[in-house]
Amino acid sequence: MDFQNENHESNIQFQSEKIEVLKSKASADASRWEQEFTFKKKQEMINENLWKEEVLLRREEMELSRAELQLIETNSKPSSALTGHSTMHNSDDERFLEISRSNHDAYHFII
């Protein structure tokens, strides 16, 4: 009878230890998952902020290009009419304007 009693107590002790190990393992797994989730969430926020900054930068670049186009158009029209610049100089300006416009159009198509 003592042997059965000791065996029963030993089984209870073993089950108790097994439960503690499982609880500990579950807690460690939960902690690891929480850390991974937090890391991925932070990474997602960083990527989103980088994307927003990139969009703002591209918009600023396009505004500068637009302003530069207007300045070139403003400067090229009166000067060519008044001073009769060479056609080579005017064609370079016009080619730049065409390239700038196509870049501007391509940018707005992307966004």
PDB file of N, CA and C in Angstrom:
ATOM      1  N   MET A   1       0.816  -1.180   0.000  1.00  0.00           N
ATOM      2  CA  MET A   1       0.000   0.000   0.000  1.00  0.00           C
ATOM      3  C   MET A   1       0.866   1.252   0.000  1.00  0.00           C
ATOM      4  N   ASP A   2       1.947   1.219   0.783  1.00  0.00           N
ATOM      5  CA  ASP A   2       2.849   2.357   0.816  1.00  0.00           C
ATOM      6  C   ASP A   2       3.460   2.592  -0.562  1.00  0.00           C
ATOM      7  N   PHE A   3       3.748   1.499  -1.250  1.00  0.00           N
ATOM      8  CA  PHE A   3       4.338   1.619  -2.584  1.00  0.00           C
ATOM      9  C   PHE A   3       3.369   2.313  -3.548  1.00  0.00           C
ATOM     10  N   GLN A   4       2.100   1.938  -3.501  1.00  0.00           N
ATOM     11  CA  GLN A   4       1.096   2.566  -4.357  1.00  0.00           C
ATOM     12  C   GLN A   4       0.914   4.032  -3.998  1.00  0.00           C
ATOM     13  N   ASN A   5       0.944   4.329  -2.717  1.00  0.00           N
ATOM     14  CA  ASN A   5       0.788   5.701  -2.247  1.00  0.00           C
ATOM     15  C   ASN A   5       1.964   6.565  -2.732  1.00  0.00           C
ATOM     16  N   GLU A   6       3.190   6.029  -2.597  1.00  0.00           N
ATOM     17  CA  GLU A   6       4.378   6.755  -3.051  1.00  0.00           C
ATOM     18  C   GLU A   6       4.346   6.940  -4.571  1.00  0.00           C
ATOM     19  N   ASN A   7       3.921   5.891  -5.270  1.00  0.00           N
ATOM     20  CA  ASN A   7       3.827   5.962  -6.723  1.00  0.00           C
ATOM     21  C   ASN A   7       2.799   7.018  -7.147  1.00  0.00           C
ATOM     22  N   HIS A   8       1.686   7.077  -6.442  1.00  0.00           N
ATOM     23  CA  HIS A   8       0.641   8.053  -6.727  1.00  0.00           C
ATOM     24  C   HIS A   8       1.158   9.471  -6.476  1.00  0.00           C
ATOM     25  N   GLU A   9       1.845   9.678  -5.357  1.00  0.00           N
ATOM     26  CA  GLU A   9       2.414  10.994  -5.032  1.00  0.00           C
ATOM     27  C   GLU A   9       3.481  11.386  -6.054  1.00  0.00           C
ATOM     28  N   SER A  10       4.253  10.390  -6.485  1.00  0.00           N
ATOM     29  CA  SER A  10       5.276  10.641  -7.495  1.00  0.00           C
ATOM     30  C   SER A  10       4.630  11.068  -8.820  1.00  0.00           C
ATOM     31  N   ASN A  11       3.544  10.399  -9.185  1.00  0.00           N
ATOM     32  CA  ASN A  11       2.818  10.772 -10.406  1.00  0.00           C
ATOM     33  C   ASN A  11       2.238  12.181 -10.305  1.00  0.00           C
ATOM     34  N   ILE A  12       1.689  12.493  -9.148  1.00  0.00           N
ATOM     35  CA  ILE A  12       1.141  13.838  -8.927  1.00  0.00           C
ATOM     36  C   ILE A  12       2.251  14.883  -9.052  1.00  0.00           C
ATOM     37  N   GLN A  13       3.397  14.616  -8.427  1.00  0.00           N
ATOM     38  CA  GLN A  13       4.542  15.529  -8.490  1.00  0.00           C
ATOM     39  C   GLN A  13       5.015  15.690  -9.944  1.00  0.00           C
ATOM     40  N   PHE A  14       5.093  14.562 -10.655  1.00  0.00           N
ATOM     41  CA  PHE A  14       5.526  14.597 -12.051  1.00  0.00           C
ATOM     42  C   PHE A  14       4.550  15.421 -12.898  1.00  0.00           C
ATOM     43  N   GLN A  15       3.258  15.191 -12.710  1.00  0.00           N
ATOM     44  CA  GLN A  15       2.242  15.943 -13.458  1.00  0.00           C
ATOM     45  C   GLN A  15       2.314  17.437 -13.133  1.00  0.00           C
ATOM     46  N   SER A  16       2.531  17.741 -11.884  1.00  0.00           N
ATOM     47  CA  SER A  16       2.646  19.133 -11.456  1.00  0.00           C
ATOM     48  C   SER A  16       3.852  19.810 -12.122  1.00  0.00           C
ATOM     49  N   GLU A  17       4.983  19.105 -12.133  1.00  0.00           N
ATOM     50  CA  GLU A  17       6.187  19.651 -12.773  1.00  0.00           C
ATOM     51  C   GLU A  17       5.977  19.796 -14.280  1.00  0.00           C
ATOM     52  N   LYS A  18       5.296  18.813 -14.861  1.00  0.00           N
ATOM     53  CA  LYS A  18       5.016  18.860 -16.295  1.00  0.00           C
ATOM     54  C   LYS A  18       4.145  20.077 -16.633  1.00  0.00           C
ATOM     55  N   ILE A  19       3.149  20.325 -15.801  1.00  0.00           N
ATOM     56  CA  ILE A  19       2.280  21.490 -16.001  1.00  0.00           C
ATOM     57  C   ILE A  19       3.083  22.784 -15.899  1.00  0.00           C
ATOM     58  N   GLU A  20       3.976  22.877 -14.935  1.00  0.00           N
ATOM     59  CA  GLU A  20       4.813  24.072 -14.771  1.00  0.00           C
ATOM     60  C   GLU A  20       5.714  24.291 -15.986  1.00  0.00           C
ATOM     61  N   VAL A  21       6.276  23.198 -16.488  1.00  0.00           N
ATOM     62  CA  VAL A  21       7.132  23.308 -17.683  1.00  0.00           C
ATOM     63  C   VAL A  21       6.309  23.791 -18.880  1.00  0.00           C
ATOM     64  N   LEU A  22       5.118  23.237 -19.042  1.00  0.00           N
ATOM     65  CA  LEU A  22       4.255  23.656 -20.147  1.00  0.00           C
ATOM     66  C   LEU A  22       3.840  25.123 -20.013  1.00  0.00           C
ATOM     67  N   LYS A  23       3.527  25.546 -18.785  1.00  0.00           N
ATOM     68  CA  LYS A  23       3.178  26.952 -18.548  1.00  0.00           C
ATOM     69  C   LYS A  23       4.355  27.862 -18.892  1.00  0.00           C
ATOM     70  N   SER A  24       5.533  27.445 -18.466  1.00  0.00           N
ATOM     71  CA  SER A  24       6.734  28.234 -18.735  1.00  0.00           C
ATOM     72  C   SER A  24       6.998  28.332 -20.236  1.00  0.00           C
ATOM     73  N   LYS A  25       6.849  27.196 -20.914  1.00  0.00           N
ATOM     74  CA  LYS A  25       7.066  27.173 -22.361  1.00  0.00           C
ATOM     75  C   LYS A  25       6.027  28.042 -23.073  1.00  0.00           C
ATOM     76  N   ALA A  26       4.779  27.953 -22.656  1.00  0.00           N
ATOM     77  CA  ALA A  26       3.718  28.763 -23.259  1.00  0.00           C
ATOM     78  C   ALA A  26       3.978  30.248 -23.030  1.00  0.00           C
ATOM     79  N   SER A  27       4.438  30.579 -21.838  1.00  0.00           N
ATOM     80  CA  SER A  27       4.753  31.972 -21.529  1.00  0.00           C
ATOM     81  C   SER A  27       5.907  32.478 -22.391  1.00  0.00           C
ATOM     82  N   ALA A  28       6.923  31.653 -22.562  1.00  0.00           N
ATOM     83  CA  ALA A  28       8.068  32.031 -23.398  1.00  0.00           C
ATOM     84  C   ALA A  28       7.637  32.199 -24.855  1.00  0.00           C
ATOM     85  N   ASP A  29       6.788  31.290 -25.334  1.00  0.00           N
ATOM     86  CA  ASP A  29       6.283  31.397 -26.708  1.00  0.00           C
ATOM     87  C   ASP A  29       5.462  32.671 -26.889  1.00  0.00           C
ATOM     88  N   ALA A  30       4.605  32.958 -25.925  1.00  0.00           N
ATOM     89  CA  ALA A  30       3.786  34.170 -26.002  1.00  0.00           C
ATOM     90  C   ALA A  30       4.666  35.415 -26.004  1.00  0.00           C
ATOM     91  N   SER A  31       5.682  35.407 -25.181  1.00  0.00           N
ATOM     92  CA  SER A  31       6.604  36.543 -25.128  1.00  0.00           C
ATOM     93  C   SER A  31       7.336  36.711 -26.457  1.00  0.00           C
ATOM     94  N   ARG A  32       7.786  35.611 -27.021  1.00  0.00           N
ATOM     95  CA  ARG A  32       8.486  35.658 -28.308  1.00  0.00           C
ATOM     96  C   ARG A  32       7.566  36.181 -29.403  1.00  0.00           C
ATOM     97  N   TRP A  33       6.320  35.706 -29.426  1.00  0.00           N
ATOM     98  CA  TRP A  33       5.370  36.172 -30.434  1.00  0.00           C
ATOM     99  C   TRP A  33       5.073  37.662 -30.260  1.00  0.00           C
ATOM    100  N   GLU A  34       4.964  38.084 -29.023  1.00  0.00           N
ATOM    101  CA  GLU A  34       4.713  39.507 -28.741  1.00  0.00           C
ATOM    102  C   GLU A  34       5.880  40.365 -29.227  1.00  0.00           C
ATOM    103  N   GLN A  35       7.104  39.895 -28.994  1.00  0.00           N
ATOM    104  CA  GLN A  35       8.282  40.633 -29.462  1.00  0.00           C
ATOM    105  C   GLN A  35       8.315  40.694 -30.987  1.00  0.00           C
ATOM    106  N   GLU A  36       8.024  39.593 -31.643  1.00  0.00           N
ATOM    107  CA  GLU A  36       8.012  39.569 -33.109  1.00  0.00           C
ATOM    108  C   GLU A  36       6.938  40.498 -33.664  1.00  0.00           C
ATOM    109  N   PHE A  37       5.761  40.470 -33.051  1.00  0.00           N
ATOM    110  CA  PHE A  37       4.675  41.344 -33.497  1.00  0.00           C
ATOM    111  C   PHE A  37       5.063  42.811 -33.333  1.00  0.00           C
ATOM    112  N   THR A  38       5.632  43.148 -32.181  1.00  0.00           N
ATOM    113  CA  THR A  38       6.058  44.523 -31.922  1.00  0.00           C
ATOM    114  C   THR A  38       7.114  44.954 -32.928  1.00  0.00           C
ATOM    115  N   PHE A  39       8.076  44.085 -33.192  1.00  0.00           N
ATOM    116  CA  PHE A  39       9.128  44.401 -34.162  1.00  0.00           C
ATOM    117  C   PHE A  39       8.531  44.639 -35.549  1.00  0.00           C
ATOM    118  N   LYS A  40       7.645  43.745 -35.977  1.00  0.00           N
ATOM    119  CA  LYS A  40       7.051  43.879 -37.308  1.00  0.00           C
ATOM    120  C   LYS A  40       6.187  45.132 -37.402  1.00  0.00           C
ATOM    121  N   LYS A  41       5.492  45.457 -36.330  1.00  0.00           N
ATOM    122  CA  LYS A  41       4.660  46.667 -36.322  1.00  0.00           C
ATOM    123  C   LYS A  41       5.540  47.914 -36.437  1.00  0.00           C
ATOM    124  N   LYS A  42       6.648  47.936 -35.686  1.00  0.00           N
ATOM    125  CA  LYS A  42       7.572  49.073 -35.774  1.00  0.00           C
ATOM    126  C   LYS A  42       8.170  49.166 -37.171  1.00  0.00           C
ATOM    127  N   GLN A  43       8.543  48.029 -37.732  1.00  0.00           N
ATOM    128  CA  GLN A  43       9.115  47.998 -39.080  1.00  0.00           C
ATOM    129  C   GLN A  43       8.099  48.522 -40.099  1.00  0.00           C
ATOM    130  N   GLU A  44       6.851  48.143 -39.933  1.00  0.00           N
ATOM    131  CA  GLU A  44       5.789  48.605 -40.822  1.00  0.00           C
ATOM    132  C   GLU A  44       5.612  50.122 -40.715  1.00  0.00           C
ATOM    133  N   MET A  45       5.644  50.644 -39.490  1.00  0.00           N
ATOM    134  CA  MET A  45       5.512  52.084 -39.285  1.00  0.00           C
ATOM    135  C   MET A  45       6.686  52.835 -39.917  1.00  0.00           C
ATOM    136  N   ILE A  46       7.890  52.306 -39.758  1.00  0.00           N
ATOM    137  CA  ILE A  46       9.077  52.936 -40.349  1.00  0.00           C
ATOM    138  C   ILE A  46       8.951  52.953 -41.867  1.00  0.00           C
ATOM    139  N   ASN A  47       8.560  51.827 -42.447  1.00  0.00           N
ATOM    140  CA  ASN A  47       8.399  51.752 -43.905  1.00  0.00           C
ATOM    141  C   ASN A  47       7.328  52.720 -44.397  1.00  0.00           C
ATOM    142  N   GLU A  48       6.239  52.833 -43.646  1.00  0.00           N
ATOM    143  CA  GLU A  48       5.167  53.757 -44.023  1.00  0.00           C
ATOM    144  C   GLU A  48       5.663  55.201 -43.965  1.00  0.00           C
ATOM    145  N   ASN A  49       6.420  55.528 -42.911  1.00  0.00           N
ATOM    146  CA  ASN A  49       6.969  56.883 -42.797  1.00  0.00           C
ATOM    147  C   ASN A  49       7.964  57.167 -43.919  1.00  0.00           C
ATOM    148  N   LEU A  50       8.791  56.178 -44.251  1.00  0.00           N
ATOM    149  CA  LEU A  50       9.737  56.355 -45.355  1.00  0.00           C
ATOM    150  C   LEU A  50       8.991  56.594 -46.664  1.00  0.00           C
ATOM    151  N   TRP A  51       7.915  55.860 -46.880  1.00  0.00           N
ATOM    152  CA  TRP A  51       7.137  56.033 -48.098  1.00  0.00           C
ATOM    153  C   TRP A  51       6.524  57.432 -48.146  1.00  0.00           C
ATOM    154  N   LYS A  52       5.958  57.886 -47.027  1.00  0.00           N
ATOM    155  CA  LYS A  52       5.367  59.229 -46.984  1.00  0.00           C
ATOM    156  C   LYS A  52       6.421  60.292 -47.260  1.00  0.00           C
ATOM    157  N   GLU A  53       7.602  60.132 -46.668  1.00  0.00           N
ATOM    158  CA  GLU A  53       8.687  61.081 -46.908  1.00  0.00           C
ATOM    159  C   GLU A  53       9.108  61.058 -48.372  1.00  0.00           C
ATOM    160  N   GLU A  54       9.155  59.884 -48.968  1.00  0.00           N
ATOM    161  CA  GLU A  54       9.521  59.757 -50.383  1.00  0.00           C
ATOM    162  C   GLU A  54       8.497  60.464 -51.266  1.00  0.00           C
ATOM    163  N   VAL A  55       7.222  60.287 -50.961  1.00  0.00           N
ATOM    164  CA  VAL A  55       6.169  60.943 -51.741  1.00  0.00           C
ATOM    165  C   VAL A  55       6.294  62.456 -51.617  1.00  0.00           C
ATOM    166  N   LEU A  56       6.503  62.947 -50.389  1.00  0.00           N
ATOM    167  CA  LEU A  56       6.660  64.393 -50.198  1.00  0.00           C
ATOM    168  C   LEU A  56       7.871  64.920 -50.958  1.00  0.00           C
ATOM    169  N   LEU A  57       8.961  64.190 -50.901  1.00  0.00           N
ATOM    170  CA  LEU A  57      10.169  64.596 -51.615  1.00  0.00           C
ATOM    171  C   LEU A  57       9.908  64.655 -53.120  1.00  0.00           C
ATOM    172  N   ARG A  58       9.228  63.654 -53.661  1.00  0.00           N
ATOM    173  CA  ARG A  58       8.920  63.644 -55.098  1.00  0.00           C
ATOM    174  C   ARG A  58       8.011  64.817 -55.468  1.00  0.00           C
ATOM    175  N   ARG A  59       7.056  65.116 -54.609  1.00  0.00           N
ATOM    176  CA  ARG A  59       6.174  66.261 -54.879  1.00  0.00           C
ATOM    177  C   ARG A  59       6.962  67.566 -54.886  1.00  0.00           C
ATOM    178  N   GLU A  60       7.856  67.714 -53.919  1.00  0.00           N
ATOM    179  CA  GLU A  60       8.691  68.914 -53.876  1.00  0.00           C
ATOM    180  C   GLU A  60       9.567  69.004 -55.120  1.00  0.00           C
ATOM    181  N   GLU A  61      10.129  67.881 -55.549  1.00  0.00           N
ATOM    182  CA  GLU A  61      10.940  67.872 -56.773  1.00  0.00           C
ATOM    183  C   GLU A  61      10.109  68.302 -57.976  1.00  0.00           C
ATOM    184  N   MET A  62       8.879  67.809 -58.049  1.00  0.00           N
ATOM    185  CA  MET A  62       8.029  68.167 -59.176  1.00  0.00           C
ATOM    186  C   MET A  62       7.647  69.642 -59.125  1.00  0.00           C
ATOM    187  N   GLU A  63       7.395  70.171 -57.940  1.00  0.00           N
ATOM    188  CA  GLU A  63       7.098  71.598 -57.815  1.00  0.00           C
ATOM    189  C   GLU A  63       8.293  72.434 -58.252  1.00  0.00           C
ATOM    190  N   LEU A  64       9.486  72.003 -57.861  1.00  0.00           N
ATOM    191  CA  LEU A  64      10.691  72.711 -58.299  1.00  0.00           C
ATOM    192  C   LEU A  64      10.851  72.628 -59.812  1.00  0.00           C
ATOM    193  N   SER A  65      10.599  71.454 -60.370  1.00  0.00           N
ATOM    194  CA  SER A  65      10.689  71.294 -61.827  1.00  0.00           C
ATOM    195  C   SER A  65       9.672  72.183 -62.526  1.00  0.00           C
ATOM    196  N   ARG A  66       8.466  72.240 -61.988  1.00  0.00           N
ATOM    197  CA  ARG A  66       7.421  73.078 -62.566  1.00  0.00           C
ATOM    198  C   ARG A  66       7.834  74.549 -62.517  1.00  0.00           C
ATOM    199  N   ALA A  67       8.354  74.977 -61.355  1.00  0.00           N
ATOM    200  CA  ALA A  67       8.805  76.363 -61.214  1.00  0.00           C
ATOM    201  C   ALA A  67       9.960  76.652 -62.169  1.00  0.00           C
ATOM    202  N   GLU A  68      10.858  75.682 -62.300  1.00  0.00           N
ATOM    203  CA  GLU A  68      11.987  75.845 -63.214  1.00  0.00           C
ATOM    204  C   GLU A  68      11.499  75.943 -64.659  1.00  0.00           C
ATOM    205  N   LEU A  69      10.517  75.131 -65.014  1.00  0.00           N
ATOM    206  CA  LEU A  69       9.933  75.204 -66.356  1.00  0.00           C
ATOM    207  C   LEU A  69       9.324  76.573 -66.619  1.00  0.00           C
ATOM    208  N   GLN A  70       8.572  77.056 -65.655  1.00  0.00           N
ATOM    209  CA  GLN A  70       7.955  78.367 -65.816  1.00  0.00           C
ATOM    210  C   GLN A  70       9.011  79.452 -65.958  1.00  0.00           C
ATOM    211  N   LEU A  71      10.065  79.360 -65.173  1.00  0.00           N
ATOM    212  CA  LEU A  71      11.142  80.342 -65.252  1.00  0.00           C
ATOM    213  C   LEU A  71      11.822  80.297 -66.618  1.00  0.00           C
ATOM    214  N   ILE A  72      12.092  79.096 -67.093  1.00  0.00           N
ATOM    215  CA  ILE A  72      12.728  78.957 -68.409  1.00  0.00           C
ATOM    216  C   ILE A  72      11.808  79.479 -69.504  1.00  0.00           C
ATOM    217  N   GLU A  73      10.531  79.126 -69.424  1.00  0.00           N
ATOM    218  CA  GLU A  73       9.576  79.616 -70.425  1.00  0.00           C
ATOM    219  C   GLU A  73       9.491  81.132 -70.394  1.00  0.00           C
ATOM    220  N   THR A  74       9.434  81.686 -69.203  1.00  0.00           N
ATOM    221  CA  THR A  74       9.365  83.139 -69.055  1.00  0.00           C
ATOM    222  C   THR A  74      10.623  83.800 -69.600  1.00  0.00           C
ATOM    223  N   ASN A  75      11.770  83.233 -69.283  1.00  0.00           N
ATOM    224  CA  ASN A  75      13.035  83.824 -69.723  1.00  0.00           C
ATOM    225  C   ASN A  75      13.300  83.600 -71.203  1.00  0.00           C
ATOM    226  N   SER A  76      12.849  82.496 -71.756  1.00  0.00           N
ATOM    227  CA  SER A  76      13.183  82.197 -73.152  1.00  0.00           C
ATOM    228  C   SER A  76      12.299  82.954 -74.137  1.00  0.00           C
ATOM    229  N   LYS A  77      11.048  83.161 -73.834  1.00  0.00           N
ATOM    230  CA  LYS A  77      10.145  83.832 -74.773  1.00  0.00           C
ATOM    231  C   LYS A  77      10.545  85.284 -75.028  1.00  0.00           C
ATOM    232  N   PRO A  78      10.680  86.121 -74.016  1.00  0.00           N
ATOM    233  CA  PRO A  78      11.034  87.518 -74.288  1.00  0.00           C
ATOM    234  C   PRO A  78      12.436  87.659 -74.868  1.00  0.00           C
ATOM    235  N   SER A  79      13.384  86.875 -74.361  1.00  0.00           N
ATOM    236  CA  SER A  79      14.757  87.035 -74.835  1.00  0.00           C
ATOM    237  C   SER A  79      14.894  86.618 -76.287  1.00  0.00           C
ATOM    238  N   SER A  80      14.213  85.576 -76.715  1.00  0.00           N
ATOM    239  CA  SER A  80      14.333  85.142 -78.107  1.00  0.00           C
ATOM    240  C   SER A  80      13.618  86.122 -79.031  1.00  0.00           C
ATOM    241  N   ALA A  81      12.538  86.704 -78.563  1.00  0.00           N
ATOM    242  CA  ALA A  81      11.813  87.661 -79.392  1.00  0.00           C
ATOM    243  C   ALA A  81      12.578  88.974 -79.506  1.00  0.00           C
ATOM    244  N   LEU A  82      13.211  89.400 -78.423  1.00  0.00           N
ATOM    245  CA  LEU A  82      13.893  90.689 -78.419  1.00  0.00           C
ATOM    246  C   LEU A  82      15.301  90.611 -78.983  1.00  0.00           C
ATOM    247  N   THR A  83      16.042  89.605 -78.626  1.00  0.00           N
ATOM    248  CA  THR A  83      17.455  89.544 -79.000  1.00  0.00           C
ATOM    249  C   THR A  83      17.732  88.605 -80.151  1.00  0.00           C
ATOM    250  N   GLY A  84      16.794  87.766 -80.529  1.00  0.00           N
ATOM    251  CA  GLY A  84      17.013  86.846 -81.638  1.00  0.00           C
ATOM    252  C   GLY A  84      18.117  85.853 -81.374  1.00  0.00           C
ATOM    253  N   HIS A  85      18.028  85.133 -80.244  1.00  0.00           N
ATOM    254  CA  HIS A  85      19.029  84.115 -79.911  1.00  0.00           C
ATOM    255  C   HIS A  85      19.146  83.099 -81.028  1.00  0.00           C
ATOM    256  N   SER A  86      20.243  82.404 -81.032  1.00  0.00           N
ATOM    257  CA  SER A  86      20.453  81.379 -82.054  1.00  0.00           C
ATOM    258  C   SER A  86      19.446  80.254 -81.891  1.00  0.00           C
ATOM    259  N   THR A  87      19.130  79.596 -82.984  1.00  0.00           N
ATOM    260  CA  THR A  87      18.166  78.497 -82.933  1.00  0.00           C
ATOM    261  C   THR A  87      18.708  77.324 -82.144  1.00  0.00           C
ATOM    262  N   MET A  88      20.016  77.161 -82.108  1.00  0.00           N
ATOM    263  CA  MET A  88      20.605  76.067 -81.335  1.00  0.00           C
ATOM    264  C   MET A  88      20.313  76.258 -79.855  1.00  0.00           C
ATOM    265  N   HIS A  89      20.476  77.485 -79.359  1.00  0.00           N
ATOM    266  CA  HIS A  89      20.207  77.756 -77.945  1.00  0.00           C
ATOM    267  C   HIS A  89      18.730  77.524 -77.645  1.00  0.00           C
ATOM    268  N   ASN A  90      17.855  78.018 -78.499  1.00  0.00           N
ATOM    269  CA  ASN A  90      16.424  77.841 -78.284  1.00  0.00           C
ATOM    270  C   ASN A  90      16.030  76.371 -78.363  1.00  0.00           C
ATOM    271  N   SER A  91      16.623  75.627 -79.266  1.00  0.00           N
ATOM    272  CA  SER A  91      16.270  74.212 -79.379  1.00  0.00           C
ATOM    273  C   SER A  91      16.715  73.442 -78.141  1.00  0.00           C
ATOM    274  N   ASP A  92      17.846  73.835 -77.544  1.00  0.00           N
ATOM    275  CA  ASP A  92      18.275  73.201 -76.294  1.00  0.00           C
ATOM    276  C   ASP A  92      17.267  73.473 -75.188  1.00  0.00           C
ATOM    277  N   ASP A  93      16.803  74.720 -75.100  1.00  0.00           N
ATOM    278  CA  ASP A  93      15.800  75.067 -74.090  1.00  0.00           C
ATOM    279  C   ASP A  93      14.517  74.283 -74.319  1.00  0.00           C
ATOM    280  N   GLU A  94      14.078  74.220 -75.561  1.00  0.00           N
ATOM    281  CA  GLU A  94      12.844  73.500 -75.861  1.00  0.00           C
ATOM    282  C   GLU A  94      12.975  72.008 -75.580  1.00  0.00           C
ATOM    283  N   ARG A  95      14.128  71.446 -75.887  1.00  0.00           N
ATOM    284  CA  ARG A  95      14.359  70.027 -75.602  1.00  0.00           C
ATOM    285  C   ARG A  95      14.318  69.786 -74.093  1.00  0.00           C
ATOM    286  N   PHE A  96      14.930  70.689 -73.311  1.00  0.00           N
ATOM    287  CA  PHE A  96      14.885  70.572 -71.855  1.00  0.00           C
ATOM    288  C   PHE A  96      13.447  70.658 -71.361  1.00  0.00           C
ATOM    289  N   LEU A  97      12.686  71.603 -71.923  1.00  0.00           N
ATOM    290  CA  LEU A  97      11.283  71.737 -71.523  1.00  0.00           C
ATOM    291  C   LEU A  97      10.505  70.457 -71.823  1.00  0.00           C
ATOM    292  N   GLU A  98      10.736  69.872 -72.993  1.00  0.00           N
ATOM    293  CA  GLU A  98      10.044  68.632 -73.347  1.00  0.00           C
ATOM    294  C   GLU A  98      10.400  67.502 -72.393  1.00  0.00           C
ATOM    295  N   ILE A  99      11.676  67.375 -72.072  1.00  0.00           N
ATOM    296  CA  ILE A  99      12.115  66.323 -71.144  1.00  0.00           C
ATOM    297  C   ILE A  99      11.511  66.555 -69.772  1.00  0.00           C
ATOM    298  N   SER A 100      11.545  67.794 -69.306  1.00  0.00           N
ATOM    299  CA  SER A 100      10.995  68.108 -67.989  1.00  0.00           C
ATOM    300  C   SER A 100       9.505  67.830 -67.947  1.00  0.00           C
ATOM    301  N   ARG A 101       8.796  68.207 -69.019  1.00  0.00           N
ATOM    302  CA  ARG A 101       7.350  67.950 -69.060  1.00  0.00           C
ATOM    303  C   ARG A 101       7.059  66.450 -69.053  1.00  0.00           C
ATOM    304  N   SER A 102       7.821  65.690 -69.822  1.00  0.00           N
ATOM    305  CA  SER A 102       7.575  64.245 -69.863  1.00  0.00           C
ATOM    306  C   SER A 102       7.875  63.614 -68.508  1.00  0.00           C
ATOM    307  N   ASN A 103       8.916  64.080 -67.825  1.00  0.00           N
ATOM    308  CA  ASN A 103       9.197  63.580 -66.474  1.00  0.00           C
ATOM    309  C   ASN A 103       8.063  63.944 -65.532  1.00  0.00           C
ATOM    310  N   HIS A 104       7.561  65.157 -65.674  1.00  0.00           N
ATOM    311  CA  HIS A 104       6.462  65.616 -64.827  1.00  0.00           C
ATOM    312  C   HIS A 104       5.226  64.765 -65.074  1.00  0.00           C
ATOM    313  N   ASP A 105       4.889  64.530 -66.344  1.00  0.00           N
ATOM    314  CA  ASP A 105       3.729  63.704 -66.680  1.00  0.00           C
ATOM    315  C   ASP A 105       3.899  62.273 -66.188  1.00  0.00           C
ATOM    316  N   ALA A 106       5.092  61.722 -66.351  1.00  0.00           N
ATOM    317  CA  ALA A 106       5.358  60.352 -65.893  1.00  0.00           C
ATOM    318  C   ALA A 106       5.210  60.257 -64.389  1.00  0.00           C
ATOM    319  N   TYR A 107       5.652  61.269 -63.669  1.00  0.00           N
ATOM    320  CA  TYR A 107       5.547  61.259 -62.207  1.00  0.00           C
ATOM    321  C   TYR A 107       4.088  61.248 -61.784  1.00  0.00           C
ATOM    322  N   HIS A 108       3.270  62.099 -62.408  1.00  0.00           N
ATOM    323  CA  HIS A 108       1.857  62.145 -62.036  1.00  0.00           C
ATOM    324  C   HIS A 108       1.131  60.877 -62.446  1.00  0.00           C
ATOM    325  N   PHE A 109       1.588  60.225 -63.492  1.00  0.00           N
ATOM    326  CA  PHE A 109       0.998  58.950 -63.874  1.00  0.00           C
ATOM    327  C   PHE A 109       1.270  57.908 -62.802  1.00  0.00           C
ATOM    328  N   ILE A 110       2.470  57.913 -62.226  1.00  0.00           N
ATOM    329  CA  ILE A 110       2.856  56.943 -61.193  1.00  0.00           C
ATOM    330  C   ILE A 110       2.046  57.173 -59.937  1.00  0.00           C
ATOM    331  N   ILE A 111       1.919  58.409 -59.531  1.00  0.00           N
ATOM    332  CA  ILE A 111       1.197  58.726 -58.289  1.00  0.00           C
ATOM    333  C   ILE A 111      -0.276  58.611 -58.548  1.00  0.00           C
TER     334      ILE A 111
END
